[in-house]
Amino acid sequence: MLVRGTFDPTSISAAHTARGFVETAIPSGIQWCPPDGCDQGMVINIANRLPANNFGGDLGRRFPRALIGDVIVSSASEPIFNAAIRAGTTGERSLAANPNRIAALVALDGHPDIRRLADALRGDAEDLPVYQMAVFSDLSDENGARRADLYPRS
């Protein structure tokens, strides 16, 4: 997740350290990790659910996050988190420039009911391949949630 805006690093630091996050200086910014490490972002703890917390709170997770300039970077996955930081600090290409991602978003635009597009069209949804990329659209309402998975690894 990337959030762009005007942020007060002192306030963010105080809020995160009060919640037990460990602060570390990184090139061009500050990083906060859960007390058990940045690799713990995917750990679910239903007892600590905070649905209003966009950084994993829906499932009680505590994503690592970083403030780099005017962008907050966060991901449950430590490798993705680190790649996002590299993209923000070294100019490494980000997923936003990936042509497959752009094609997936164009394909999904206006079609929230698409499900496993690549596999459903072949009719072999029983044995799903490893995905090179997955796009999720979570539209929860009284009828449930919908999702789309695209681009199987070839």
Protein backbone atom coordinates (compact mmCIF):
# COMPACT_ATOMS: atom_id res chain seq x y z
CA MET A 1 0.00 0.00 0.00
CA LEU A 2 1.22 3.47 -0.85
CA VAL A 3 -0.35 6.56 0.71
CA ARG A 4 0.77 9.97 -0.49
CA GLY A 5 0.20 13.11 1.55
CA THR A 6 1.61 15.60 4.01
CA PHE A 7 2.69 13.76 7.16
CA ASP A 8 4.20 14.80 10.49
CA PRO A 9 7.03 12.31 11.13
CA THR A 10 7.15 13.18 14.85
CA SER A 11 3.44 12.39 15.35
CA ILE A 12 3.65 9.21 13.28
CA SER A 13 6.71 8.08 15.23
CA ALA A 14 5.01 8.72 18.58
CA ALA A 15 1.87 6.83 17.52
CA HIS A 16 3.81 3.82 16.24
CA THR A 17 6.22 3.54 19.17
CA ALA A 18 3.25 3.81 21.57
CA ARG A 19 1.81 0.72 19.82
CA GLY A 20 5.07 -1.21 20.21
CA PHE A 21 6.52 -0.72 16.74
CA VAL A 22 10.31 -0.53 16.45
CA GLU A 23 11.64 2.52 14.59
CA THR A 24 14.67 2.35 12.31
CA ALA A 25 16.24 5.05 10.15
CA ILE A 26 16.49 4.04 6.48
CA PRO A 27 17.88 5.93 3.47
CA SER A 28 15.51 8.84 2.81
CA GLY A 29 13.10 8.00 5.64
CA ILE A 30 11.95 6.08 8.70
CA GLN A 31 10.74 2.48 8.99
CA TRP A 32 8.50 0.96 11.69
CA CYS A 33 8.23 -2.79 12.22
CA PRO A 34 6.14 -4.87 14.61
CA PRO A 35 8.05 -5.81 17.79
CA ASP A 36 8.73 -9.33 16.46
CA GLY A 37 10.16 -8.05 13.16
CA CYS A 38 9.16 -6.82 9.70
CA ASP A 39 8.61 -10.43 8.61
CA GLN A 40 5.59 -10.70 10.95
CA GLY A 41 3.20 -8.57 8.85
CA MET A 42 1.17 -11.59 7.70
CA VAL A 43 0.55 -12.95 11.21
CA ILE A 44 -3.21 -12.91 11.89
CA ASN A 45 -4.42 -12.08 15.39
CA ILE A 46 -8.23 -11.88 15.42
CA ALA A 47 -8.16 -10.76 19.08
CA ASN A 48 -6.45 -7.54 17.90
CA ARG A 49 -8.77 -6.71 14.99
CA LEU A 50 -8.95 -3.00 14.21
CA PRO A 51 -11.07 -2.77 11.02
CA ALA A 52 -10.42 0.97 10.67
CA ASN A 53 -6.65 0.34 10.48
CA ASN A 54 -5.80 0.03 6.79
CA PHE A 55 -2.41 -1.49 7.61
CA GLY A 56 -3.64 -5.01 8.38
CA GLY A 57 -6.12 -4.18 11.11
CA ASP A 58 -8.98 -6.02 9.40
CA LEU A 59 -7.37 -9.32 10.48
CA GLY A 60 -5.37 -8.06 13.45
CA ARG A 61 -2.17 -8.00 11.40
CA ARG A 62 0.55 -5.39 11.96
CA PHE A 63 2.13 -4.49 8.62
CA PRO A 64 5.60 -2.93 8.61
CA ARG A 65 5.53 0.58 7.22
CA ALA A 66 7.89 3.36 6.23
CA LEU A 67 7.68 7.08 5.64
CA ILE A 68 9.75 8.19 2.66
CA GLY A 69 9.25 11.86 1.87
CA ASP A 70 5.53 12.34 1.28
CA VAL A 71 4.72 8.61 0.89
CA ILE A 72 3.85 5.94 3.45
CA VAL A 73 4.82 2.48 2.17
CA SER A 74 3.33 -0.65 3.74
CA SER A 75 2.81 -4.34 2.95
CA ALA A 76 2.11 -7.51 4.89
CA SER A 77 4.85 -9.21 2.86
CA GLU A 78 8.38 -8.25 3.90
CA PRO A 79 9.85 -8.86 0.38
CA ILE A 80 7.16 -6.64 -1.19
CA PHE A 81 7.65 -4.03 1.54
CA ASN A 82 11.42 -3.98 0.89
CA ALA A 83 10.89 -3.82 -2.89
CA ALA A 84 8.54 -0.85 -2.46
CA ILE A 85 11.11 0.92 -0.31
CA ARG A 86 13.79 0.27 -2.96
CA ALA A 87 11.46 1.63 -5.65
CA GLY A 88 10.93 4.76 -3.57
CA THR A 89 14.56 5.35 -2.64
CA THR A 90 16.60 4.04 -5.58
CA GLY A 91 14.31 4.59 -8.55
CA GLU A 92 13.87 0.84 -9.08
CA ARG A 93 10.85 0.12 -11.30
CA SER A 94 7.66 -0.32 -9.32
CA LEU A 95 4.65 -2.54 -9.94
CA ALA A 96 2.74 0.57 -11.03
CA ALA A 97 4.81 0.54 -14.25
CA ASN A 98 4.26 -3.17 -14.92
CA PRO A 99 2.40 -3.63 -18.25
CA ASN A 100 0.63 -6.79 -16.98
CA ARG A 101 -0.72 -4.88 -13.99
CA ILE A 102 -1.93 -2.05 -16.21
CA ALA A 103 -3.65 -4.56 -18.53
CA ALA A 104 -5.29 -6.29 -15.55
CA LEU A 105 -6.66 -3.02 -14.20
CA VAL A 106 -7.98 -2.03 -17.63
CA ALA A 107 -9.64 -5.46 -17.96
CA LEU A 108 -11.24 -5.13 -14.51
CA ASP A 109 -12.49 -1.59 -14.96
CA GLY A 110 -16.27 -1.74 -14.76
CA HIS A 111 -16.33 -5.54 -14.34
CA PRO A 112 -16.33 -6.31 -10.59
CA ASP A 113 -17.70 -9.84 -11.15
CA ILE A 114 -14.74 -11.25 -13.13
CA ARG A 115 -13.46 -14.41 -11.40
CA ARG A 116 -10.29 -16.26 -12.29
CA LEU A 117 -10.45 -14.93 -15.80
CA ALA A 118 -7.45 -16.79 -17.21
CA ASP A 119 -8.49 -20.16 -15.76
CA ALA A 120 -12.25 -19.94 -16.14
CA LEU A 121 -11.88 -19.33 -19.88
CA ARG A 122 -9.81 -22.51 -20.24
CA GLY A 123 -12.24 -24.43 -18.03
CA ASP A 124 -9.56 -25.90 -15.78
CA ALA A 125 -10.14 -24.01 -12.54
CA GLU A 126 -9.64 -27.25 -10.56
CA ASP A 127 -5.85 -27.16 -10.73
CA LEU A 128 -4.91 -23.49 -10.43
CA PRO A 129 -1.40 -22.49 -11.50
CA VAL A 130 0.94 -20.33 -9.46
CA TYR A 131 0.12 -16.73 -10.29
CA GLN A 132 2.68 -14.29 -11.57
CA MET A 133 0.29 -11.61 -10.40
CA ALA A 134 -3.08 -11.58 -8.70
CA VAL A 135 -5.51 -8.69 -8.64
CA PHE A 136 -8.05 -8.63 -5.85
CA SER A 137 -11.22 -6.57 -5.78
CA ASP A 138 -12.95 -6.78 -2.42
CA LEU A 139 -16.42 -5.27 -2.68
CA SER A 140 -18.15 -6.36 0.50
CA ASP A 141 -21.86 -5.76 0.87
CA GLU A 142 -24.85 -7.80 2.04
CA ASN A 143 -24.36 -10.11 -0.98
CA GLY A 144 -20.76 -11.03 -0.13
CA ALA A 145 -17.40 -10.18 -1.63
CA ARG A 146 -16.04 -10.52 -5.16
CA ARG A 147 -12.51 -11.11 -6.38
CA ALA A 148 -10.53 -11.47 -9.58
CA ASP A 149 -7.30 -13.41 -10.10
CA LEU A 150 -5.38 -12.80 -13.33
CA TYR A 151 -2.15 -13.65 -15.15
CA PRO A 152 -1.10 -17.21 -14.36
CA ARG A 153 2.62 -17.84 -14.57
CA SER A 154 3.41 -19.37 -17.97
